[in-house]
N, C-alpha and C. Protein backbone atom coordinates (compact mmCIF):
# COMPACT_ATOMS: atom_id res chain seq x y z
N MET A 1 88.60 60.47 131.83
CA MET A 1 87.63 61.13 131.00
C MET A 1 87.75 62.64 131.16
N ARG A 2 87.44 63.30 130.11
CA ARG A 2 87.55 64.75 130.14
C ARG A 2 86.27 65.37 130.67
N SER A 3 86.47 66.43 131.40
CA SER A 3 85.31 67.14 131.92
C SER A 3 84.85 68.18 130.90
N ASP A 4 83.70 68.78 131.18
CA ASP A 4 83.18 69.83 130.29
C ASP A 4 84.11 71.03 130.25
N LYS A 5 84.76 71.30 131.38
CA LYS A 5 85.67 72.43 131.44
C LYS A 5 86.87 72.21 130.52
N ASP A 6 87.40 70.99 130.50
CA ASP A 6 88.52 70.67 129.61
C ASP A 6 88.11 70.82 128.15
N THR A 7 86.91 70.36 127.83
CA THR A 7 86.42 70.47 126.46
C THR A 7 86.27 71.94 126.05
N GLU A 8 85.75 72.75 126.96
CA GLU A 8 85.60 74.18 126.68
C GLU A 8 86.95 74.84 126.45
N HIS A 9 87.94 74.49 127.27
CA HIS A 9 89.28 75.05 127.11
C HIS A 9 89.89 74.64 125.78
N LYS A 10 89.68 73.39 125.39
CA LYS A 10 90.22 72.91 124.13
C LYS A 10 89.56 73.63 122.95
N GLU A 11 88.26 73.80 122.98
CA GLU A 11 87.56 74.50 121.92
C GLU A 11 88.00 75.96 121.82
N GLU A 12 88.17 76.60 122.98
CA GLU A 12 88.63 77.98 122.99
C GLU A 12 90.04 78.09 122.43
N SER A 13 90.90 77.15 122.78
CA SER A 13 92.27 77.15 122.26
C SER A 13 92.29 76.99 120.75
N ILE A 14 91.44 76.13 120.24
CA ILE A 14 91.38 75.91 118.79
C ILE A 14 90.90 77.17 118.09
N ARG A 15 89.90 77.86 118.65
CA ARG A 15 89.41 79.11 118.06
C ARG A 15 90.50 80.18 118.05
N ILE A 16 91.22 80.30 119.16
CA ILE A 16 92.28 81.30 119.26
C ILE A 16 93.39 81.01 118.25
N LEU A 17 93.81 79.76 118.17
CA LEU A 17 94.86 79.39 117.23
C LEU A 17 94.44 79.63 115.78
N ALA A 18 93.19 79.35 115.46
CA ALA A 18 92.70 79.58 114.09
C ALA A 18 92.71 81.08 113.77
N ARG A 19 92.31 81.90 114.73
CA ARG A 19 92.30 83.35 114.52
C ARG A 19 93.72 83.89 114.36
N VAL A 20 94.64 83.43 115.20
CA VAL A 20 96.03 83.88 115.11
C VAL A 20 96.66 83.43 113.80
N ALA A 21 96.35 82.22 113.36
CA ALA A 21 96.90 81.73 112.10
C ALA A 21 96.40 82.58 110.93
N GLY A 22 95.16 82.98 110.95
CA GLY A 22 94.62 83.82 109.89
C GLY A 22 95.23 85.21 109.88
N GLU A 23 95.54 85.75 111.06
CA GLU A 23 96.12 87.08 111.15
C GLU A 23 97.61 87.05 110.83
N ALA A 24 98.26 85.93 111.04
CA ALA A 24 99.71 85.85 110.86
C ALA A 24 100.11 85.56 109.43
N GLU A 25 99.19 85.17 108.57
CA GLU A 25 99.53 84.88 107.19
C GLU A 25 99.95 86.15 106.47
N PRO A 26 100.96 86.04 105.60
CA PRO A 26 101.32 87.22 104.81
C PRO A 26 100.12 87.67 103.97
N GLY A 27 99.84 88.94 104.00
CA GLY A 27 98.68 89.44 103.27
C GLY A 27 97.39 88.93 103.88
N GLY A 28 97.35 88.87 105.21
CA GLY A 28 96.18 88.35 105.91
C GLY A 28 94.93 89.16 105.65
N ALA A 29 93.97 89.05 106.50
CA ALA A 29 92.65 89.66 106.29
C ALA A 29 92.73 91.17 106.11
N ALA A 30 93.69 91.83 106.74
CA ALA A 30 93.77 93.28 106.63
C ALA A 30 94.17 93.72 105.23
N LEU A 31 94.91 92.90 104.51
CA LEU A 31 95.38 93.28 103.18
C LEU A 31 94.72 92.46 102.09
N ASP A 32 93.68 91.74 102.42
CA ASP A 32 93.03 90.85 101.47
C ASP A 32 92.29 91.67 100.42
N HIS A 33 92.53 91.39 99.16
CA HIS A 33 91.90 92.15 98.09
C HIS A 33 90.40 91.87 97.98
N GLU A 34 89.95 90.73 98.47
CA GLU A 34 88.53 90.44 98.39
C GLU A 34 87.73 91.17 99.46
N THR A 35 88.38 91.63 100.52
CA THR A 35 87.65 92.27 101.61
C THR A 35 87.42 93.76 101.37
N ARG A 36 88.19 94.36 100.47
CA ARG A 36 87.98 95.79 100.24
C ARG A 36 86.94 96.00 99.15
N ASP A 37 86.29 97.12 99.22
CA ASP A 37 85.22 97.45 98.27
C ASP A 37 85.82 98.12 97.05
N ALA A 38 85.81 97.42 95.92
CA ALA A 38 86.43 97.94 94.70
C ALA A 38 85.66 99.12 94.12
N SER A 39 84.41 99.28 94.48
CA SER A 39 83.62 100.38 93.91
C SER A 39 83.70 101.65 94.76
N ASP A 40 84.39 101.60 95.88
CA ASP A 40 84.48 102.75 96.77
C ASP A 40 85.54 103.72 96.24
N PRO A 41 85.13 104.94 95.83
CA PRO A 41 86.11 105.88 95.26
C PRO A 41 87.16 106.34 96.27
N ILE A 42 86.81 106.43 97.52
CA ILE A 42 87.78 106.83 98.55
C ILE A 42 88.84 105.74 98.71
N GLU A 43 88.42 104.50 98.65
CA GLU A 43 89.36 103.38 98.73
C GLU A 43 90.35 103.43 97.57
N LYS A 44 89.84 103.68 96.38
CA LYS A 44 90.72 103.77 95.20
C LYS A 44 91.68 104.94 95.33
N LEU A 45 91.18 106.08 95.79
CA LEU A 45 92.02 107.26 95.96
C LEU A 45 93.12 106.99 96.98
N GLY A 46 92.77 106.35 98.08
CA GLY A 46 93.76 106.03 99.10
C GLY A 46 94.84 105.09 98.58
N ILE A 47 94.45 104.12 97.78
CA ILE A 47 95.42 103.19 97.20
C ILE A 47 96.35 103.94 96.25
N ARG A 48 95.80 104.82 95.43
CA ARG A 48 96.62 105.59 94.48
C ARG A 48 97.60 106.51 95.21
N ILE A 49 97.10 107.18 96.25
CA ILE A 49 97.97 108.08 97.02
C ILE A 49 99.09 107.27 97.69
N GLY A 50 98.75 106.14 98.26
CA GLY A 50 99.76 105.30 98.90
C GLY A 50 100.82 104.81 97.93
N ARG A 51 100.39 104.41 96.76
CA ARG A 51 101.35 103.93 95.76
C ARG A 51 102.25 105.07 95.27
N LEU A 52 101.67 106.25 95.05
CA LEU A 52 102.47 107.40 94.61
C LEU A 52 103.48 107.81 95.68
N LEU A 53 103.04 107.83 96.94
CA LEU A 53 103.97 108.16 98.02
C LEU A 53 105.10 107.14 98.13
N ALA A 54 104.77 105.88 98.00
CA ALA A 54 105.80 104.84 98.07
C ALA A 54 106.80 105.00 96.94
N MET A 55 106.33 105.29 95.74
CA MET A 55 107.22 105.48 94.60
C MET A 55 108.08 106.73 94.80
N ALA A 56 107.50 107.82 95.28
CA ALA A 56 108.24 109.06 95.49
C ALA A 56 109.32 108.88 96.56
N ILE A 57 108.98 108.22 97.64
CA ILE A 57 109.95 107.98 98.70
C ILE A 57 111.08 107.09 98.21
N THR A 58 110.74 106.06 97.44
CA THR A 58 111.76 105.16 96.90
C THR A 58 112.71 105.92 95.98
N ILE A 59 112.18 106.74 95.10
CA ILE A 59 113.02 107.53 94.19
C ILE A 59 113.89 108.50 94.98
N ALA A 60 113.33 109.14 96.01
CA ALA A 60 114.10 110.08 96.82
C ALA A 60 115.25 109.38 97.54
N VAL A 61 115.01 108.22 98.08
CA VAL A 61 116.07 107.48 98.78
C VAL A 61 117.15 107.04 97.80
N ILE A 62 116.76 106.56 96.64
CA ILE A 62 117.75 106.15 95.63
C ILE A 62 118.58 107.36 95.20
N ALA A 63 117.93 108.49 94.97
CA ALA A 63 118.66 109.71 94.58
C ALA A 63 119.61 110.14 95.68
N TRP A 64 119.18 110.08 96.92
CA TRP A 64 120.03 110.47 98.04
C TRP A 64 121.26 109.56 98.12
N VAL A 65 121.07 108.27 97.94
CA VAL A 65 122.20 107.34 97.99
C VAL A 65 123.18 107.63 96.86
N VAL A 66 122.68 107.88 95.66
CA VAL A 66 123.55 108.19 94.52
C VAL A 66 124.34 109.46 94.79
N VAL A 67 123.67 110.51 95.26
CA VAL A 67 124.35 111.77 95.56
C VAL A 67 125.37 111.58 96.67
N TYR A 68 125.03 110.82 97.68
CA TYR A 68 125.94 110.56 98.79
C TYR A 68 127.21 109.89 98.31
N PHE A 69 127.09 108.87 97.46
CA PHE A 69 128.26 108.16 96.97
C PHE A 69 129.07 109.02 95.97
N MET A 70 128.38 109.83 95.20
CA MET A 70 129.09 110.68 94.22
C MET A 70 129.94 111.73 94.93
N ARG A 71 129.49 112.24 96.05
CA ARG A 71 130.26 113.27 96.79
C ARG A 71 131.42 112.65 97.56
N ASN A 72 131.26 111.43 98.04
CA ASN A 72 132.28 110.84 98.90
C ASN A 72 133.32 110.02 98.16
N PHE A 73 133.13 109.76 96.87
CA PHE A 73 134.13 108.95 96.16
C PHE A 73 134.67 109.66 94.98
């Protein structure tokens, strides 16, 4: 028979595994669209700035690669 201590350890293990599974999912709680406040103007501004920076960096890297290959070949 299991003791109370074994039951407590099992329950704690189940809680930990459930939390880790939720955090390990792609697009987990940190990136979940339902958790952010859509009416928050600072949140919207941050998203726009992040997207613009990502696009600018991507274009800069592509341009650098093109220039690099054009000079070396």
